[in-house]
Each structure stands twice: as C-alpha cells, then as structure tokens.
Amino acid sequence: MTDRKFNLLLDNKLIGTTAFENADAPMNVVFGQIYFTESVFGYDKLKNYCTENSISIVNDYPEDKLISTDNIPKLTISDKYGNIINAEVKTIEGMDSDFYTLNLLGVSTEQYEKYFSQHINDYQNRKF
C-alpha cells in the first residue's frame, strides 16, 4: 500500500483526500476510500452537486443514503505538489453510514507508472 495522499478538488475546492489503496493495474484503474475534509459532505451534497451540474447518477437509494455517480468532469485529483492526475472517468460511490470511494478509470500509462507503480508491482508479483 502507498503512503501517498492525493487531494480531491471539486470546482477547485478541496473536498478530501485518498490514498488509492486499490487497483486493477492491467486496466489502469485505481480506487480508494475518500476522507472528506468536511463532515457534511456525503449523500445529500453529492446528489445536489450532480443534479445542479447535470451529472448522471448511476445508482440512487435515498432511504439508505447510497449513491454512485457517472463521470464528474470538474473533479480534480492532484498530488501534494499540485500535479494533476488525469483519468478518462472519475466517479464517486458510497453511502453515509459506511464510506465513499473515488474511482479513476483510464489513467494514462505514463501517470500510472509514475504514481501507482506499487499496484503494478503487486499485480506482477501475484501468484495465480
């Protein structure tokens, strides 16, 4: 697992961090638990943001406060130096009573090797 923390900015405002502790290395995908900077960020705020910004909601269970989004274009992920991690798709899923996960799909090979080499190594060292 990495000790790197990545910042999550929504409309240029810091909303949280993640370590991208999980991956599907052959697919250039990483995902990790979100640690929100504000305790009020959760289902209601995420659903309102998606509605106001015409972002599709893939799953929505209001009674459980569970949601998963389609791509969120204005979600920016950066390292501690402000370098942006690019991905074709950036989604959030989770529920208020548990946790939320940020998923990055289609990270460039160059950035994947730079930022997520531990996931590549873990995959290559797996015993099938």
N, C-alpha and C. Protein backbone atom coordinates (compact mmCIF):
# COMPACT_ATOMS: atom_id res chain seq x y z
N MET A 1 0.84 -1.18 0.00
CA MET A 1 0.00 0.00 0.00
C MET A 1 0.88 1.24 0.00
N THR A 2 0.37 2.29 -0.57
CA THR A 2 1.12 3.52 -0.69
C THR A 2 0.91 4.43 0.52
N ASP A 3 1.89 5.27 0.80
CA ASP A 3 1.71 6.27 1.83
C ASP A 3 1.39 7.62 1.19
N ARG A 4 1.23 7.63 -0.12
CA ARG A 4 0.89 8.85 -0.82
C ARG A 4 -0.56 9.21 -0.59
N LYS A 5 -0.78 10.50 -0.42
CA LYS A 5 -2.14 11.02 -0.32
C LYS A 5 -2.36 11.94 -1.52
N PHE A 6 -3.52 11.83 -2.08
CA PHE A 6 -3.90 12.65 -3.21
C PHE A 6 -5.06 13.55 -2.80
N ASN A 7 -5.04 14.78 -3.26
CA ASN A 7 -6.09 15.74 -2.95
C ASN A 7 -7.21 15.65 -3.97
N LEU A 8 -8.43 15.81 -3.50
CA LEU A 8 -9.62 15.81 -4.35
C LEU A 8 -10.21 17.20 -4.30
N LEU A 9 -10.31 17.82 -5.47
CA LEU A 9 -10.88 19.15 -5.56
C LEU A 9 -12.10 19.11 -6.46
N LEU A 10 -13.17 19.70 -5.99
CA LEU A 10 -14.40 19.78 -6.77
C LEU A 10 -14.65 21.26 -7.01
N ASP A 11 -14.67 21.64 -8.28
CA ASP A 11 -14.78 23.06 -8.64
C ASP A 11 -13.68 23.86 -7.93
N ASN A 12 -12.47 23.31 -7.91
CA ASN A 12 -11.28 23.94 -7.34
C ASN A 12 -11.33 24.11 -5.82
N LYS A 13 -12.25 23.41 -5.13
CA LYS A 13 -12.32 23.46 -3.67
C LYS A 13 -11.95 22.08 -3.13
N LEU A 14 -11.01 22.06 -2.19
CA LEU A 14 -10.58 20.80 -1.58
C LEU A 14 -11.75 20.17 -0.83
N ILE A 15 -12.10 18.93 -1.23
CA ILE A 15 -13.19 18.23 -0.53
C ILE A 15 -12.70 17.02 0.25
N GLY A 16 -11.46 16.57 -0.05
CA GLY A 16 -10.96 15.41 0.67
C GLY A 16 -9.65 14.88 0.11
N THR A 17 -9.28 13.70 0.61
CA THR A 17 -8.06 13.04 0.16
C THR A 17 -8.34 11.55 -0.01
N THR A 18 -7.43 10.88 -0.71
CA THR A 18 -7.46 9.43 -0.83
C THR A 18 -6.04 8.93 -1.03
N ALA A 19 -5.82 7.66 -0.74
CA ALA A 19 -4.51 7.04 -0.96
C ALA A 19 -4.54 6.10 -2.16
N PHE A 20 -5.68 5.93 -2.79
CA PHE A 20 -5.82 4.98 -3.91
C PHE A 20 -5.19 3.64 -3.54
N GLU A 21 -5.70 3.06 -2.48
CA GLU A 21 -5.14 1.82 -1.95
C GLU A 21 -5.51 0.58 -2.73
N ASN A 22 -6.40 0.69 -3.71
CA ASN A 22 -6.83 -0.47 -4.51
C ASN A 22 -6.66 -0.18 -5.99
N ALA A 23 -6.55 -1.28 -6.78
CA ALA A 23 -6.30 -1.07 -8.21
C ALA A 23 -6.66 -2.29 -9.03
N ASP A 24 -6.82 -2.02 -10.31
CA ASP A 24 -6.85 -3.04 -11.35
C ASP A 24 -5.77 -2.60 -12.33
N ALA A 25 -4.54 -2.98 -12.04
CA ALA A 25 -3.38 -2.49 -12.77
C ALA A 25 -3.45 -2.73 -14.28
N PRO A 26 -3.85 -3.91 -14.76
CA PRO A 26 -3.89 -4.12 -16.21
C PRO A 26 -4.86 -3.17 -16.92
N MET A 27 -5.84 -2.67 -16.20
CA MET A 27 -6.84 -1.78 -16.79
C MET A 27 -6.53 -0.29 -16.53
N ASN A 28 -5.41 0.00 -15.85
CA ASN A 28 -5.05 1.38 -15.48
C ASN A 28 -6.15 2.04 -14.66
N VAL A 29 -6.66 1.29 -13.68
CA VAL A 29 -7.72 1.76 -12.80
C VAL A 29 -7.18 1.79 -11.37
N VAL A 30 -7.52 2.85 -10.64
CA VAL A 30 -7.23 2.93 -9.21
C VAL A 30 -8.48 3.41 -8.49
N PHE A 31 -8.60 3.01 -7.24
CA PHE A 31 -9.72 3.47 -6.44
C PHE A 31 -9.34 3.44 -4.98
N GLY A 32 -9.97 4.32 -4.23
CA GLY A 32 -9.64 4.38 -2.82
C GLY A 32 -10.69 5.11 -2.02
N GLN A 33 -10.65 4.86 -0.72
CA GLN A 33 -11.59 5.49 0.20
C GLN A 33 -11.32 6.99 0.25
N ILE A 34 -12.41 7.75 0.27
CA ILE A 34 -12.32 9.20 0.38
C ILE A 34 -12.40 9.60 1.85
N TYR A 35 -11.50 10.50 2.24
CA TYR A 35 -11.52 11.10 3.57
C TYR A 35 -11.90 12.57 3.36
N PHE A 36 -13.18 12.86 3.57
CA PHE A 36 -13.69 14.21 3.31
C PHE A 36 -13.15 15.20 4.32
N THR A 37 -12.90 16.42 3.85
CA THR A 37 -12.43 17.49 4.74
C THR A 37 -13.57 18.07 5.56
N GLU A 38 -14.81 17.92 5.06
CA GLU A 38 -15.99 18.41 5.77
C GLU A 38 -16.90 17.23 6.10
N SER A 39 -17.34 17.16 7.32
CA SER A 39 -18.21 16.05 7.71
C SER A 39 -19.57 16.14 7.04
N VAL A 40 -19.92 17.30 6.52
CA VAL A 40 -21.23 17.46 5.87
C VAL A 40 -21.23 16.94 4.43
N PHE A 41 -20.07 16.62 3.89
CA PHE A 41 -20.05 16.09 2.53
C PHE A 41 -20.49 14.64 2.58
N GLY A 42 -21.46 14.32 1.78
CA GLY A 42 -22.00 12.97 1.74
C GLY A 42 -23.10 12.89 0.71
N TYR A 43 -24.05 12.03 0.96
CA TYR A 43 -25.11 11.75 0.01
C TYR A 43 -25.82 13.02 -0.48
N ASP A 44 -26.34 13.82 0.45
CA ASP A 44 -27.13 14.99 0.06
C ASP A 44 -26.32 15.98 -0.77
N LYS A 45 -25.14 16.27 -0.32
CA LYS A 45 -24.30 17.24 -1.03
C LYS A 45 -23.89 16.70 -2.41
N LEU A 46 -23.54 15.42 -2.48
CA LEU A 46 -23.14 14.82 -3.74
C LEU A 46 -24.32 14.76 -4.72
N LYS A 47 -25.48 14.37 -4.23
CA LYS A 47 -26.66 14.31 -5.10
C LYS A 47 -27.03 15.70 -5.61
N ASN A 48 -27.00 16.69 -4.75
CA ASN A 48 -27.29 18.07 -5.17
C ASN A 48 -26.29 18.55 -6.21
N TYR A 49 -25.01 18.26 -6.00
CA TYR A 49 -23.99 18.67 -6.96
C TYR A 49 -24.26 18.03 -8.33
N CYS A 50 -24.55 16.75 -8.32
CA CYS A 50 -24.82 16.04 -9.58
C CYS A 50 -26.05 16.61 -10.28
N THR A 51 -27.10 16.86 -9.53
CA THR A 51 -28.33 17.40 -10.11
C THR A 51 -28.08 18.79 -10.70
N GLU A 52 -27.39 19.64 -9.96
CA GLU A 52 -27.12 21.01 -10.42
C GLU A 52 -26.17 21.06 -11.61
N ASN A 53 -25.33 20.03 -11.77
CA ASN A 53 -24.32 20.04 -12.83
C ASN A 53 -24.60 19.01 -13.92
N SER A 54 -25.81 18.49 -13.96
CA SER A 54 -26.24 17.54 -15.00
C SER A 54 -25.33 16.32 -15.10
N ILE A 55 -24.94 15.80 -13.95
CA ILE A 55 -24.13 14.58 -13.90
C ILE A 55 -25.06 13.42 -13.61
N SER A 56 -24.99 12.40 -14.42
CA SER A 56 -25.87 11.24 -14.25
C SER A 56 -25.55 10.52 -12.95
N ILE A 57 -26.61 10.08 -12.30
CA ILE A 57 -26.48 9.26 -11.11
C ILE A 57 -26.80 7.83 -11.53
N VAL A 58 -25.84 6.94 -11.34
CA VAL A 58 -25.98 5.56 -11.77
C VAL A 58 -26.87 4.77 -10.83
N ASN A 59 -26.66 4.93 -9.54
CA ASN A 59 -27.48 4.27 -8.51
C ASN A 59 -27.83 5.30 -7.46
N ASP A 60 -29.09 5.26 -7.01
CA ASP A 60 -29.55 6.22 -6.02
C ASP A 60 -30.58 5.53 -5.12
N TYR A 61 -30.22 5.39 -3.85
CA TYR A 61 -31.09 4.80 -2.85
C TYR A 61 -31.21 5.77 -1.69
N PRO A 62 -32.12 6.76 -1.82
CA PRO A 62 -32.23 7.81 -0.79
C PRO A 62 -32.49 7.27 0.62
N GLU A 63 -33.26 6.19 0.72
CA GLU A 63 -33.58 5.65 2.05
C GLU A 63 -32.33 5.13 2.76
N ASP A 64 -31.33 4.74 2.00
CA ASP A 64 -30.07 4.26 2.57
C ASP A 64 -28.95 5.29 2.47
N LYS A 65 -29.25 6.42 1.82
CA LYS A 65 -28.22 7.45 1.56
C LYS A 65 -27.04 6.84 0.81
N LEU A 66 -27.36 6.02 -0.21
CA LEU A 66 -26.37 5.34 -1.04
C LEU A 66 -26.46 5.89 -2.46
N ILE A 67 -25.31 6.20 -3.04
CA ILE A 67 -25.28 6.82 -4.36
C ILE A 67 -24.02 6.40 -5.11
N SER A 68 -24.13 6.33 -6.43
CA SER A 68 -22.95 6.20 -7.28
C SER A 68 -23.17 7.09 -8.49
N THR A 69 -22.11 7.75 -8.90
CA THR A 69 -22.21 8.75 -9.96
C THR A 69 -21.58 8.24 -11.25
N ASP A 70 -21.94 8.93 -12.32
CA ASP A 70 -21.24 8.79 -13.58
C ASP A 70 -20.02 9.71 -13.48
N ASN A 71 -19.34 9.94 -14.59
CA ASN A 71 -18.14 10.78 -14.62
C ASN A 71 -18.42 12.18 -14.07
N ILE A 72 -17.51 12.67 -13.24
CA ILE A 72 -17.60 14.02 -12.68
C ILE A 72 -16.46 14.84 -13.28
N PRO A 73 -16.72 15.56 -14.38
CA PRO A 73 -15.65 16.26 -15.09
C PRO A 73 -14.89 17.30 -14.27
N LYS A 74 -15.57 17.98 -13.34
CA LYS A 74 -14.90 19.05 -12.58
C LYS A 74 -14.26 18.55 -11.30
N LEU A 75 -14.10 17.24 -11.18
CA LEU A 75 -13.38 16.65 -10.05
C LEU A 75 -11.92 16.54 -10.46
N THR A 76 -11.06 17.17 -9.70
CA THR A 76 -9.64 17.19 -9.99
C THR A 76 -8.90 16.44 -8.90
N ILE A 77 -7.92 15.63 -9.31
CA ILE A 77 -7.11 14.87 -8.37
C ILE A 77 -5.67 15.33 -8.56
N SER A 78 -5.01 15.66 -7.45
CA SER A 78 -3.63 16.13 -7.56
C SER A 78 -2.77 15.51 -6.47
N ASP A 79 -1.46 15.46 -6.75
CA ASP A 79 -0.52 15.01 -5.72
C ASP A 79 -0.21 16.18 -4.79
N LYS A 80 0.67 15.96 -3.83
CA LYS A 80 0.95 17.01 -2.85
C LYS A 80 1.64 18.24 -3.45
N TYR A 81 2.16 18.10 -4.65
CA TYR A 81 2.82 19.22 -5.33
C TYR A 81 1.87 19.95 -6.27
N GLY A 82 0.63 19.49 -6.37
CA GLY A 82 -0.33 20.13 -7.25
C GLY A 82 -0.37 19.56 -8.65
N ASN A 83 0.41 18.50 -8.92
CA ASN A 83 0.39 17.86 -10.24
C ASN A 83 -0.92 17.10 -10.41
N ILE A 84 -1.60 17.33 -11.52
CA ILE A 84 -2.91 16.74 -11.78
C ILE A 84 -2.77 15.32 -12.30
N ILE A 85 -3.58 14.42 -11.73
CA ILE A 85 -3.68 13.04 -12.21
C ILE A 85 -4.86 13.00 -13.18
N ASN A 86 -4.59 12.70 -14.42
CA ASN A 86 -5.64 12.66 -15.43
C ASN A 86 -6.23 11.26 -15.53
N ALA A 87 -7.55 11.23 -15.76
CA ALA A 87 -8.25 9.97 -15.96
C ALA A 87 -9.41 10.24 -16.91
N GLU A 88 -9.74 9.22 -17.68
CA GLU A 88 -10.87 9.37 -18.60
C GLU A 88 -12.18 9.48 -17.85
N VAL A 89 -12.31 8.75 -16.74
CA VAL A 89 -13.54 8.74 -15.96
C VAL A 89 -13.20 8.84 -14.48
N LYS A 90 -13.94 9.71 -13.77
CA LYS A 90 -13.77 9.90 -12.33
C LYS A 90 -15.16 9.79 -11.70
N THR A 91 -15.37 8.77 -10.89
CA THR A 91 -16.68 8.56 -10.27
C THR A 91 -16.55 8.44 -8.75
N ILE A 92 -17.67 8.68 -8.08
CA ILE A 92 -17.73 8.52 -6.63
C ILE A 92 -18.91 7.59 -6.33
N GLU A 93 -18.71 6.72 -5.36
CA GLU A 93 -19.81 5.84 -4.91
C GLU A 93 -19.67 5.60 -3.42
N GLY A 94 -20.79 5.37 -2.77
CA GLY A 94 -20.75 5.06 -1.36
C GLY A 94 -22.02 5.42 -0.65
N MET A 95 -21.97 5.35 0.67
CA MET A 95 -23.14 5.67 1.48
C MET A 95 -22.72 6.32 2.78
N ASP A 96 -23.62 7.16 3.30
CA ASP A 96 -23.30 7.93 4.50
C ASP A 96 -22.95 7.06 5.70
N SER A 97 -23.60 5.92 5.85
CA SER A 97 -23.35 5.09 7.03
C SER A 97 -22.10 4.22 6.90
N ASP A 98 -21.43 4.27 5.74
CA ASP A 98 -20.23 3.46 5.52
C ASP A 98 -19.10 4.39 5.09
N PHE A 99 -18.72 4.35 3.83
CA PHE A 99 -17.70 5.26 3.33
C PHE A 99 -17.92 5.48 1.84
N TYR A 100 -17.17 6.42 1.29
CA TYR A 100 -17.24 6.74 -0.14
C TYR A 100 -15.91 6.40 -0.79
N THR A 101 -16.00 5.99 -2.06
CA THR A 101 -14.83 5.59 -2.83
C THR A 101 -14.73 6.45 -4.08
N LEU A 102 -13.51 6.86 -4.39
CA LEU A 102 -13.23 7.55 -5.65
C LEU A 102 -12.63 6.53 -6.60
N ASN A 103 -13.16 6.47 -7.82
CA ASN A 103 -12.68 5.55 -8.85
C ASN A 103 -12.11 6.35 -10.01
N LEU A 104 -10.89 6.02 -10.42
CA LEU A 104 -10.29 6.62 -11.62
C LEU A 104 -10.11 5.52 -12.64
N LEU A 105 -10.72 5.70 -13.80
CA LEU A 105 -10.62 4.75 -14.89
C LEU A 105 -9.90 5.40 -16.05
N GLY A 106 -9.00 4.67 -16.67
CA GLY A 106 -8.29 5.19 -17.83
C GLY A 106 -7.21 6.19 -17.50
N VAL A 107 -6.45 5.93 -16.46
CA VAL A 107 -5.27 6.76 -16.16
C VAL A 107 -4.23 6.44 -17.23
N SER A 108 -3.54 7.46 -17.74
CA SER A 108 -2.54 7.22 -18.77
C SER A 108 -1.46 6.28 -18.24
N THR A 109 -0.88 5.51 -19.12
CA THR A 109 0.18 4.57 -18.72
C THR A 109 1.34 5.30 -18.06
N GLU A 110 1.71 6.44 -18.61
CA GLU A 110 2.82 7.22 -18.05
C GLU A 110 2.52 7.64 -16.60
N GLN A 111 1.33 8.16 -16.35
CA GLN A 111 0.99 8.57 -14.99
C GLN A 111 0.78 7.37 -14.08
N TYR A 112 0.22 6.31 -14.61
CA TYR A 112 0.01 5.10 -13.80
C TYR A 112 1.35 4.57 -13.30
N GLU A 113 2.33 4.51 -14.19
CA GLU A 113 3.66 4.04 -13.80
C GLU A 113 4.31 4.98 -12.79
N LYS A 114 4.08 6.28 -12.95
CA LYS A 114 4.69 7.26 -12.05
C LYS A 114 4.06 7.23 -10.66
N TYR A 115 2.74 7.23 -10.59
CA TYR A 115 2.05 7.37 -9.31
C TYR A 115 1.62 6.05 -8.67
N PHE A 116 1.44 5.02 -9.47
CA PHE A 116 0.86 3.79 -8.95
C PHE A 116 1.71 2.56 -9.25
N SER A 117 3.01 2.73 -9.25
CA SER A 117 3.92 1.63 -9.56
C SER A 117 3.79 0.48 -8.56
N GLN A 118 3.41 0.79 -7.31
CA GLN A 118 3.24 -0.29 -6.32
C GLN A 118 2.12 -1.22 -6.74
N HIS A 119 1.08 -0.71 -7.38
CA HIS A 119 -0.01 -1.56 -7.85
C HIS A 119 0.44 -2.44 -9.02
N ILE A 120 1.28 -1.89 -9.87
CA ILE A 120 1.84 -2.69 -10.98
C ILE A 120 2.70 -3.81 -10.41
N ASN A 121 3.56 -3.47 -9.46
CA ASN A 121 4.42 -4.47 -8.83
C ASN A 121 3.61 -5.54 -8.12
N ASP A 122 2.59 -5.12 -7.39
CA ASP A 122 1.74 -6.09 -6.69
C ASP A 122 1.09 -7.05 -7.69
N TYR A 123 0.61 -6.51 -8.79
CA TYR A 123 -0.04 -7.35 -9.80
C TYR A 123 0.96 -8.33 -10.42
N GLN A 124 2.15 -7.82 -10.76
CA GLN A 124 3.16 -8.68 -11.40
C GLN A 124 3.67 -9.76 -10.45
N ASN A 125 3.61 -9.52 -9.16
CA ASN A 125 4.11 -10.49 -8.19
C ASN A 125 3.03 -11.43 -7.65
N ARG A 126 1.80 -11.29 -8.17
CA ARG A 126 0.72 -12.18 -7.75
C ARG A 126 0.98 -13.59 -8.23
N LYS A 127 0.58 -14.53 -7.40
CA LYS A 127 0.68 -15.94 -7.78
C LYS A 127 -0.72 -16.42 -8.11
N PHE A 128 -0.89 -16.89 -9.32
CA PHE A 128 -2.21 -17.32 -9.77
C PHE A 128 -2.42 -18.79 -9.51
